[in-house]
Each structure stands twice: as C-alpha cells, then as structure tokens.
Amino acid sequence: MRKPELAAAIAEKTDLTRDQANRVLNAMLEEITSALNRKDSVTLVGFGTFMQRHRGARTGKNPQTGQPVKIRASNTVAFKPGKSLRDAVN
C-alpha cells in the first residue's frame, strides 16, 4: 500500500474527503519526523514505537573489489512493533 492508497482508506473509514485525509496523514508524518529529529521517540499504543538510533562508525567491505571501506557514524530510525500489531500479523 502506498501513501495515496492509505489516504484513500482513511478517507473512506472516517467520512473525510481524500484531500482532508491526505492533509491529516501528512501532518501526522511531519510530527513523527520532527519528534525523531528532536531525538524523542513516538509511541502509538497498540501499534508500535518509532525511535532514533545511533550507528557507530565501522569498517565495511566493497563487494566489487573486496577493499575495506570506512563507514561513517550515522543516525537511523528504528521501529519496534507493539503487541497488538505483532498479534495481528501472526
């Protein structure tokens, strides 16, 4: 499912127009992004938790040449699913 399909499903279930549902979805994604940018975690009870994680610098390997490559430290986003989501998938 892509973003426009998700907005359409939200519109159908909430009696909003597609445009309104799209704005709600965009606002929600912007808030999650800004919270993660502030290094806050975002917990949606029953769904899961989005959090920022730090990856330390490490040495990798170029698959074409086999030469060692230094990979810089970076931040990434992690998601830990909640119990309800895990149970629904299994």
PDB file of N, CA and C in Angstrom:
ATOM      1  N   MET A   1       0.852  -1.180   0.000  1.00  0.00           N
ATOM      2  CA  MET A   1       0.000   0.000   0.000  1.00  0.00           C
ATOM      3  C   MET A   1       0.894   1.238   0.000  1.00  0.00           C
ATOM      4  N   ARG A   2       0.588   2.160  -0.871  1.00  0.00           N
ATOM      5  CA  ARG A   2       1.329   3.409  -0.956  1.00  0.00           C
ATOM      6  C   ARG A   2       0.563   4.522  -0.241  1.00  0.00           C
ATOM      7  N   LYS A   3       1.198   5.661  -0.110  1.00  0.00           N
ATOM      8  CA  LYS A   3       0.623   6.787   0.625  1.00  0.00           C
ATOM      9  C   LYS A   3      -0.740   7.229   0.085  1.00  0.00           C
ATOM     10  N   PRO A   4      -0.940   7.385  -1.235  1.00  0.00           N
ATOM     11  CA  PRO A   4      -2.267   7.786  -1.725  1.00  0.00           C
ATOM     12  C   PRO A   4      -3.352   6.750  -1.408  1.00  0.00           C
ATOM     13  N   GLU A   5      -2.975   5.474  -1.454  1.00  0.00           N
ATOM     14  CA  GLU A   5      -3.940   4.423  -1.124  1.00  0.00           C
ATOM     15  C   GLU A   5      -4.291   4.461   0.360  1.00  0.00           C
ATOM     16  N   LEU A   6      -3.299   4.751   1.205  1.00  0.00           N
ATOM     17  CA  LEU A   6      -3.547   4.865   2.642  1.00  0.00           C
ATOM     18  C   LEU A   6      -4.457   6.056   2.928  1.00  0.00           C
ATOM     19  N   ALA A   7      -4.213   7.179   2.280  1.00  0.00           N
ATOM     20  CA  ALA A   7      -5.069   8.356   2.458  1.00  0.00           C
ATOM     21  C   ALA A   7      -6.497   8.062   2.009  1.00  0.00           C
ATOM     22  N   ALA A   8      -6.647   7.327   0.922  1.00  0.00           N
ATOM     23  CA  ALA A   8      -7.990   6.969   0.441  1.00  0.00           C
ATOM     24  C   ALA A   8      -8.697   6.055   1.437  1.00  0.00           C
ATOM     25  N   ALA A   9      -7.978   5.118   2.034  1.00  0.00           N
ATOM     26  CA  ALA A   9      -8.576   4.221   3.027  1.00  0.00           C
ATOM     27  C   ALA A   9      -8.987   4.994   4.279  1.00  0.00           C
ATOM     28  N   ILE A  10      -8.161   5.956   4.684  1.00  0.00           N
ATOM     29  CA  ILE A  10      -8.505   6.789   5.846  1.00  0.00           C
ATOM     30  C   ILE A  10      -9.750   7.606   5.536  1.00  0.00           C
ATOM     31  N   ALA A  11      -9.816   8.167   4.343  1.00  0.00           N
ATOM     32  CA  ALA A  11     -10.978   8.967   3.949  1.00  0.00           C
ATOM     33  C   ALA A  11     -12.253   8.141   3.975  1.00  0.00           C
ATOM     34  N   GLU A  12     -12.154   6.923   3.499  1.00  0.00           N
ATOM     35  CA  GLU A  12     -13.333   6.059   3.441  1.00  0.00           C
ATOM     36  C   GLU A  12     -13.831   5.683   4.846  1.00  0.00           C
ATOM     37  N   LYS A  13     -12.902   5.424   5.760  1.00  0.00           N
ATOM     38  CA  LYS A  13     -13.288   4.982   7.102  1.00  0.00           C
ATOM     39  C   LYS A  13     -13.701   6.119   8.021  1.00  0.00           C
ATOM     40  N   THR A  14     -13.314   7.360   7.705  1.00  0.00           N
ATOM     41  CA  THR A  14     -13.576   8.470   8.620  1.00  0.00           C
ATOM     42  C   THR A  14     -14.534   9.508   8.067  1.00  0.00           C
ATOM     43  N   ASP A  15     -15.121   9.293   6.918  1.00  0.00           N
ATOM     44  CA  ASP A  15     -16.033  10.245   6.288  1.00  0.00           C
ATOM     45  C   ASP A  15     -15.366  11.595   6.023  1.00  0.00           C
ATOM     46  N   LEU A  16     -14.059  11.570   5.735  1.00  0.00           N
ATOM     47  CA  LEU A  16     -13.338  12.762   5.309  1.00  0.00           C
ATOM     48  C   LEU A  16     -13.182  12.705   3.796  1.00  0.00           C
ATOM     49  N   THR A  17     -12.913  13.855   3.199  1.00  0.00           N
ATOM     50  CA  THR A  17     -12.591  13.830   1.776  1.00  0.00           C
ATOM     51  C   THR A  17     -11.164  13.291   1.641  1.00  0.00           C
ATOM     52  N   ARG A  18     -10.807  12.897   0.429  1.00  0.00           N
ATOM     53  CA  ARG A  18      -9.442  12.398   0.202  1.00  0.00           C
ATOM     54  C   ARG A  18      -8.411  13.477   0.491  1.00  0.00           C
ATOM     55  N   ASP A  19      -8.743  14.712   0.149  1.00  0.00           N
ATOM     56  CA  ASP A  19      -7.826  15.827   0.405  1.00  0.00           C
ATOM     57  C   ASP A  19      -7.629  16.029   1.901  1.00  0.00           C
ATOM     58  N   GLN A  20      -8.705  15.988   2.664  1.00  0.00           N
ATOM     59  CA  GLN A  20      -8.604  16.151   4.116  1.00  0.00           C
ATOM     60  C   GLN A  20      -7.804  14.996   4.727  1.00  0.00           C
ATOM     61  N   ALA A  21      -8.069  13.782   4.293  1.00  0.00           N
ATOM     62  CA  ALA A  21      -7.345  12.617   4.807  1.00  0.00           C
ATOM     63  C   ALA A  21      -5.864  12.709   4.460  1.00  0.00           C
ATOM     64  N   ASN A  22      -5.550  13.191   3.269  1.00  0.00           N
ATOM     65  CA  ASN A  22      -4.164  13.355   2.866  1.00  0.00           C
ATOM     66  C   ASN A  22      -3.459  14.396   3.739  1.00  0.00           C
ATOM     67  N   ARG A  23      -4.166  15.495   4.054  1.00  0.00           N
ATOM     68  CA  ARG A  23      -3.576  16.521   4.936  1.00  0.00           C
ATOM     69  C   ARG A  23      -3.349  15.976   6.337  1.00  0.00           C
ATOM     70  N   VAL A  24      -4.278  15.181   6.848  1.00  0.00           N
ATOM     71  CA  VAL A  24      -4.117  14.571   8.169  1.00  0.00           C
ATOM     72  C   VAL A  24      -2.913  13.629   8.162  1.00  0.00           C
ATOM     73  N   LEU A  25      -2.807  12.803   7.147  1.00  0.00           N
ATOM     74  CA  LEU A  25      -1.693  11.867   7.036  1.00  0.00           C
ATOM     75  C   LEU A  25      -0.361  12.614   6.940  1.00  0.00           C
ATOM     76  N   ASN A  26      -0.305  13.659   6.131  1.00  0.00           N
ATOM     77  CA  ASN A  26       0.924  14.452   6.002  1.00  0.00           C
ATOM     78  C   ASN A  26       1.297  15.112   7.320  1.00  0.00           C
ATOM     79  N   ALA A  27       0.308  15.648   8.038  1.00  0.00           N
ATOM     80  CA  ALA A  27       0.575  16.291   9.329  1.00  0.00           C
ATOM     81  C   ALA A  27       1.110  15.276  10.330  1.00  0.00           C
ATOM     82  N   MET A  28       0.543  14.098  10.334  1.00  0.00           N
ATOM     83  CA  MET A  28       0.996  13.054  11.248  1.00  0.00           C
ATOM     84  C   MET A  28       2.442  12.651  10.943  1.00  0.00           C
ATOM     85  N   LEU A  29       2.754  12.466   9.674  1.00  0.00           N
ATOM     86  CA  LEU A  29       4.110  12.084   9.282  1.00  0.00           C
ATOM     87  C   LEU A  29       5.112  13.192   9.583  1.00  0.00           C
ATOM     88  N   GLU A  30       4.708  14.450   9.395  1.00  0.00           N
ATOM     89  CA  GLU A  30       5.589  15.572   9.731  1.00  0.00           C
ATOM     90  C   GLU A  30       5.874  15.624  11.224  1.00  0.00           C
ATOM     91  N   GLU A  31       4.870  15.376  12.045  1.00  0.00           N
ATOM     92  CA  GLU A  31       5.060  15.397  13.500  1.00  0.00           C
ATOM     93  C   GLU A  31       5.955  14.253  13.966  1.00  0.00           C
ATOM     94  N   ILE A  32       5.779  13.084  13.389  1.00  0.00           N
ATOM     95  CA  ILE A  32       6.653  11.956  13.731  1.00  0.00           C
ATOM     96  C   ILE A  32       8.093  12.286  13.341  1.00  0.00           C
ATOM     97  N   THR A  33       8.277  12.865  12.147  1.00  0.00           N
ATOM     98  CA  THR A  33       9.608  13.232  11.674  1.00  0.00           C
ATOM     99  C   THR A  33      10.253  14.280  12.572  1.00  0.00           C
ATOM    100  N   SER A  34       9.507  15.309  12.950  1.00  0.00           N
ATOM    101  CA  SER A  34      10.087  16.351  13.791  1.00  0.00           C
ATOM    102  C   SER A  34      10.391  15.834  15.192  1.00  0.00           C
ATOM    103  N   ALA A  35       9.576  14.929  15.719  1.00  0.00           N
ATOM    104  CA  ALA A  35       9.856  14.341  17.032  1.00  0.00           C
ATOM    105  C   ALA A  35      11.133  13.513  16.977  1.00  0.00           C
ATOM    106  N   LEU A  36      11.305  12.734  15.931  1.00  0.00           N
ATOM    107  CA  LEU A  36      12.521  11.936  15.788  1.00  0.00           C
ATOM    108  C   LEU A  36      13.741  12.833  15.587  1.00  0.00           C
ATOM    109  N   ASN A  37      13.553  13.950  14.901  1.00  0.00           N
ATOM    110  CA  ASN A  37      14.628  14.908  14.705  1.00  0.00           C
ATOM    111  C   ASN A  37      15.075  15.504  16.048  1.00  0.00           C
ATOM    112  N   ARG A  38      14.135  15.656  16.988  1.00  0.00           N
ATOM    113  CA  ARG A  38      14.442  16.157  18.338  1.00  0.00           C
ATOM    114  C   ARG A  38      14.947  15.049  19.253  1.00  0.00           C
ATOM    115  N   LYS A  39      15.105  13.840  18.712  1.00  0.00           N
ATOM    116  CA  LYS A  39      15.551  12.655  19.451  1.00  0.00           C
ATOM    117  C   LYS A  39      14.513  12.166  20.459  1.00  0.00           C
ATOM    118  N   ASP A  40      13.235  12.487  20.216  1.00  0.00           N
ATOM    119  CA  ASP A  40      12.132  11.940  21.002  1.00  0.00           C
ATOM    120  C   ASP A  40      11.661  10.657  20.322  1.00  0.00           C
ATOM    121  N   SER A  41      11.121   9.745  21.098  1.00  0.00           N
ATOM    122  CA  SER A  41      10.502   8.573  20.491  1.00  0.00           C
ATOM    123  C   SER A  41       9.006   8.853  20.341  1.00  0.00           C
ATOM    124  N   VAL A  42       8.372   8.164  19.416  1.00  0.00           N
ATOM    125  CA  VAL A  42       6.933   8.321  19.178  1.00  0.00           C
ATOM    126  C   VAL A  42       6.288   6.962  19.401  1.00  0.00           C
ATOM    127  N   THR A  43       5.420   6.889  20.410  1.00  0.00           N
ATOM    128  CA  THR A  43       4.740   5.636  20.739  1.00  0.00           C
ATOM    129  C   THR A  43       3.269   5.744  20.382  1.00  0.00           C
ATOM    130  N   LEU A  44       2.809   4.848  19.542  1.00  0.00           N
ATOM    131  CA  LEU A  44       1.394   4.717  19.204  1.00  0.00           C
ATOM    132  C   LEU A  44       0.943   3.424  19.872  1.00  0.00           C
ATOM    133  N   VAL A  45       0.241   3.559  20.988  1.00  0.00           N
ATOM    134  CA  VAL A  45      -0.127   2.409  21.805  1.00  0.00           C
ATOM    135  C   VAL A  45      -0.872   1.377  20.967  1.00  0.00           C
ATOM    136  N   GLY A  46      -0.413   0.145  21.035  1.00  0.00           N
ATOM    137  CA  GLY A  46      -1.011  -0.944  20.283  1.00  0.00           C
ATOM    138  C   GLY A  46      -0.406  -1.111  18.897  1.00  0.00           C
ATOM    139  N   PHE A  47       0.243  -0.078  18.385  1.00  0.00           N
ATOM    140  CA  PHE A  47       0.847  -0.157  17.060  1.00  0.00           C
ATOM    141  C   PHE A  47       2.352  -0.347  17.153  1.00  0.00           C
ATOM    142  N   GLY A  48       3.028   0.565  17.847  1.00  0.00           N
ATOM    143  CA  GLY A  48       4.468   0.425  17.998  1.00  0.00           C
ATOM    144  C   GLY A  48       5.140   1.734  18.340  1.00  0.00           C
ATOM    145  N   THR A  49       6.472   1.694  18.363  1.00  0.00           N
ATOM    146  CA  THR A  49       7.273   2.850  18.743  1.00  0.00           C
ATOM    147  C   THR A  49       8.330   3.128  17.686  1.00  0.00           C
ATOM    148  N   PHE A  50       8.386   4.383  17.260  1.00  0.00           N
ATOM    149  CA  PHE A  50       9.447   4.860  16.376  1.00  0.00           C
ATOM    150  C   PHE A  50      10.492   5.523  17.252  1.00  0.00           C
ATOM    151  N   MET A  51      11.780   5.220  17.014  1.00  0.00           N
ATOM    152  CA  MET A  51      12.839   5.849  17.795  1.00  0.00           C
ATOM    153  C   MET A  51      14.069   6.073  16.931  1.00  0.00           C
ATOM    154  N   GLN A  52      14.874   7.049  17.344  1.00  0.00           N
ATOM    155  CA  GLN A  52      16.106   7.325  16.624  1.00  0.00           C
ATOM    156  C   GLN A  52      17.215   6.487  17.257  1.00  0.00           C
ATOM    157  N   ARG A  53      18.027   5.850  16.433  1.00  0.00           N
ATOM    158  CA  ARG A  53      19.158   5.058  16.917  1.00  0.00           C
ATOM    159  C   ARG A  53      20.432   5.554  16.271  1.00  0.00           C
ATOM    160  N   HIS A  54      21.511   5.466  17.027  1.00  0.00           N
ATOM    161  CA  HIS A  54      22.813   5.888  16.527  1.00  0.00           C
ATOM    162  C   HIS A  54      23.584   4.658  16.067  1.00  0.00           C
ATOM    163  N   ARG A  55      24.171   4.756  14.894  1.00  0.00           N
ATOM    164  CA  ARG A  55      25.053   3.703  14.386  1.00  0.00           C
ATOM    165  C   ARG A  55      26.474   4.218  14.473  1.00  0.00           C
ATOM    166  N   GLY A  56      27.319   3.479  15.133  1.00  0.00           N
ATOM    167  CA  GLY A  56      28.713   3.880  15.249  1.00  0.00           C
ATOM    168  C   GLY A  56      29.460   3.674  13.946  1.00  0.00           C
ATOM    169  N   ALA A  57      30.633   4.312  13.860  1.00  0.00           N
ATOM    170  CA  ALA A  57      31.481   4.133  12.693  1.00  0.00           C
ATOM    171  C   ALA A  57      31.963   2.684  12.652  1.00  0.00           C
ATOM    172  N   ARG A  58      32.139   2.163  11.451  1.00  0.00           N
ATOM    173  CA  ARG A  58      32.576   0.774  11.323  1.00  0.00           C
ATOM    174  C   ARG A  58      33.314   0.595   9.999  1.00  0.00           C
ATOM    175  N   THR A  59      33.923  -0.531   9.843  1.00  0.00           N
ATOM    176  CA  THR A  59      34.617  -0.846   8.608  1.00  0.00           C
ATOM    177  C   THR A  59      33.790  -1.849   7.827  1.00  0.00           C
ATOM    178  N   GLY A  60      33.531  -1.525   6.571  1.00  0.00           N
ATOM    179  CA  GLY A  60      32.785  -2.417   5.685  1.00  0.00           C
ATOM    180  C   GLY A  60      33.704  -2.949   4.604  1.00  0.00           C
ATOM    181  N   LYS A  61      33.107  -3.557   3.611  1.00  0.00           N
ATOM    182  CA  LYS A  61      33.888  -4.151   2.536  1.00  0.00           C
ATOM    183  C   LYS A  61      33.216  -3.831   1.209  1.00  0.00           C
ATOM    184  N   ASN A  62      33.984  -3.312   0.263  1.00  0.00           N
ATOM    185  CA  ASN A  62      33.474  -3.037  -1.072  1.00  0.00           C
ATOM    186  C   ASN A  62      33.223  -4.383  -1.750  1.00  0.00           C
ATOM    187  N   PRO A  63      31.975  -4.697  -2.138  1.00  0.00           N
ATOM    188  CA  PRO A  63      31.684  -6.009  -2.710  1.00  0.00           C
ATOM    189  C   PRO A  63      32.341  -6.255  -4.069  1.00  0.00           C
ATOM    190  N   GLN A  64      32.662  -5.193  -4.800  1.00  0.00           N
ATOM    191  CA  GLN A  64      33.270  -5.378  -6.120  1.00  0.00           C
ATOM    192  C   GLN A  64      34.769  -5.638  -6.033  1.00  0.00           C
ATOM    193  N   THR A  65      35.439  -4.916  -5.121  1.00  0.00           N
ATOM    194  CA  THR A  65      36.898  -5.033  -5.057  1.00  0.00           C
ATOM    195  C   THR A  65      37.397  -5.797  -3.841  1.00  0.00           C
ATOM    196  N   GLY A  66      36.568  -5.926  -2.816  1.00  0.00           N
ATOM    197  CA  GLY A  66      36.992  -6.587  -1.592  1.00  0.00           C
ATOM    198  C   GLY A  66      37.805  -5.680  -0.683  1.00  0.00           C
ATOM    199  N   GLN A  67      38.001  -4.431  -1.088  1.00  0.00           N
ATOM    200  CA  GLN A  67      38.780  -3.482  -0.288  1.00  0.00           C
ATOM    201  C   GLN A  67      37.978  -3.045   0.944  1.00  0.00           C
ATOM    202  N   PRO A  68      38.649  -2.860   2.080  1.00  0.00           N
ATOM    203  CA  PRO A  68      37.944  -2.333   3.251  1.00  0.00           C
ATOM    204  C   PRO A  68      37.534  -0.875   3.033  1.00  0.00           C
ATOM    205  N   VAL A  69      36.351  -0.522   3.525  1.00  0.00           N
ATOM    206  CA  VAL A  69      35.811   0.826   3.374  1.00  0.00           C
ATOM    207  C   VAL A  69      35.376   1.308   4.749  1.00  0.00           C
ATOM    208  N   LYS A  70      35.735   2.553   5.101  1.00  0.00           N
ATOM    209  CA  LYS A  70      35.287   3.119   6.369  1.00  0.00           C
ATOM    210  C   LYS A  70      33.886   3.689   6.184  1.00  0.00           C
ATOM    211  N   ILE A  71      32.984   3.297   7.074  1.00  0.00           N
ATOM    212  CA  ILE A  71      31.607   3.780   7.040  1.00  0.00           C
ATOM    213  C   ILE A  71      31.442   4.729   8.216  1.00  0.00           C
ATOM    214  N   ARG A  72      31.005   5.948   7.932  1.00  0.00           N
ATOM    215  CA  ARG A  72      30.867   6.962   8.976  1.00  0.00           C
ATOM    216  C   ARG A  72      29.733   6.616   9.937  1.00  0.00           C
ATOM    217  N   ALA A  73      29.798   7.201  11.137  1.00  0.00           N
ATOM    218  CA  ALA A  73      28.709   7.080  12.104  1.00  0.00           C
ATOM    219  C   ALA A  73      27.495   7.831  11.562  1.00  0.00           C
ATOM    220  N   SER A  74      26.314   7.342  11.877  1.00  0.00           N
ATOM    221  CA  SER A  74      25.096   7.996  11.400  1.00  0.00           C
ATOM    222  C   SER A  74      23.944   7.676  12.342  1.00  0.00           C
ATOM    223  N   ASN A  75      22.861   8.389  12.150  1.00  0.00           N
ATOM    224  CA  ASN A  75      21.628   8.125  12.893  1.00  0.00           C
ATOM    225  C   ASN A  75      20.637   7.477  11.942  1.00  0.00           C
ATOM    226  N   THR A  76      19.791   6.617  12.492  1.00  0.00           N
ATOM    227  CA  THR A  76      18.780   5.953  11.687  1.00  0.00           C
ATOM    228  C   THR A  76      17.493   5.852  12.501  1.00  0.00           C
ATOM    229  N   VAL A  77      16.430   5.445  11.867  1.00  0.00           N
ATOM    230  CA  VAL A  77      15.140   5.290  12.537  1.00  0.00           C
ATOM    231  C   VAL A  77      14.864   3.808  12.731  1.00  0.00           C
ATOM    232  N   ALA A  78      14.434   3.464  13.937  1.00  0.00           N
ATOM    233  CA  ALA A  78      14.066   2.083  14.244  1.00  0.00           C
ATOM    234  C   ALA A  78      12.582   2.052  14.605  1.00  0.00           C
ATOM    235  N   PHE A  79      11.958   0.927  14.361  1.00  0.00           N
ATOM    236  CA  PHE A  79      10.551   0.737  14.715  1.00  0.00           C
ATOM    237  C   PHE A  79      10.428  -0.557  15.493  1.00  0.00           C
ATOM    238  N   LYS A  80       9.788  -0.473  16.647  1.00  0.00           N
ATOM    239  CA  LYS A  80       9.531  -1.667  17.459  1.00  0.00           C
ATOM    240  C   LYS A  80       8.019  -1.872  17.482  1.00  0.00           C
ATOM    241  N   PRO A  81       7.534  -2.928  16.863  1.00  0.00           N
ATOM    242  CA  PRO A  81       6.075  -3.131  16.817  1.00  0.00           C
ATOM    243  C   PRO A  81       5.501  -3.435  18.197  1.00  0.00           C
ATOM    244  N   GLY A  82       4.269  -2.985  18.410  1.00  0.00           N
ATOM    245  CA  GLY A  82       3.553  -3.260  19.650  1.00  0.00           C
ATOM    246  C   GLY A  82       2.929  -4.647  19.615  1.00  0.00           C
ATOM    247  N   LYS A  83       2.457  -5.069  20.762  1.00  0.00           N
ATOM    248  CA  LYS A  83       1.892  -6.417  20.891  1.00  0.00           C
ATOM    249  C   LYS A  83       0.690  -6.623  19.972  1.00  0.00           C
ATOM    250  N   SER A  84      -0.195  -5.655  19.888  1.00  0.00           N
ATOM    251  CA  SER A  84      -1.386  -5.792  19.036  1.00  0.00           C
ATOM    252  C   SER A  84      -1.006  -5.968  17.571  1.00  0.00           C
ATOM    253  N   LEU A  85      -0.015  -5.212  17.111  1.00  0.00           N
ATOM    254  CA  LEU A  85       0.434  -5.343  15.719  1.00  0.00           C
ATOM    255  C   LEU A  85       1.090  -6.695  15.480  1.00  0.00           C
ATOM    256  N   ARG A  86       1.931  -7.121  16.407  1.00  0.00           N
ATOM    257  CA  ARG A  86       2.572  -8.452  16.265  1.00  0.00           C
ATOM    258  C   ARG A  86       1.522  -9.545  16.230  1.00  0.00           C
ATOM    259  N   ASP A  87       0.522  -9.464  17.101  1.00  0.00           N
ATOM    260  CA  ASP A  87      -0.519 -10.486  17.139  1.00  0.00           C
ATOM    261  C   ASP A  87      -1.361 -10.477  15.862  1.00  0.00           C
ATOM    262  N   ALA A  88      -1.617  -9.304  15.309  1.00  0.00           N
ATOM    263  CA  ALA A  88      -2.413  -9.217  14.079  1.00  0.00           C
ATOM    264  C   ALA A  88      -1.684  -9.793  12.888  1.00  0.00           C
ATOM    265  N   VAL A  89      -0.356  -9.674  12.872  1.00  0.00           N
ATOM    266  CA  VAL A  89       0.427 -10.184  11.751  1.00  0.00           C
ATOM    267  C   VAL A  89       0.608 -11.692  11.858  1.00  0.00           C
ATOM    268  N   ASN A  90       0.731 -12.197  13.060  1.00  0.00           N
ATOM    269  CA  ASN A  90       0.958 -13.638  13.243  1.00  0.00           C
ATOM    270  C   ASN A  90      -0.312 -14.375  13.265  1.00  0.00           C
TER     271      ASN A  90
END
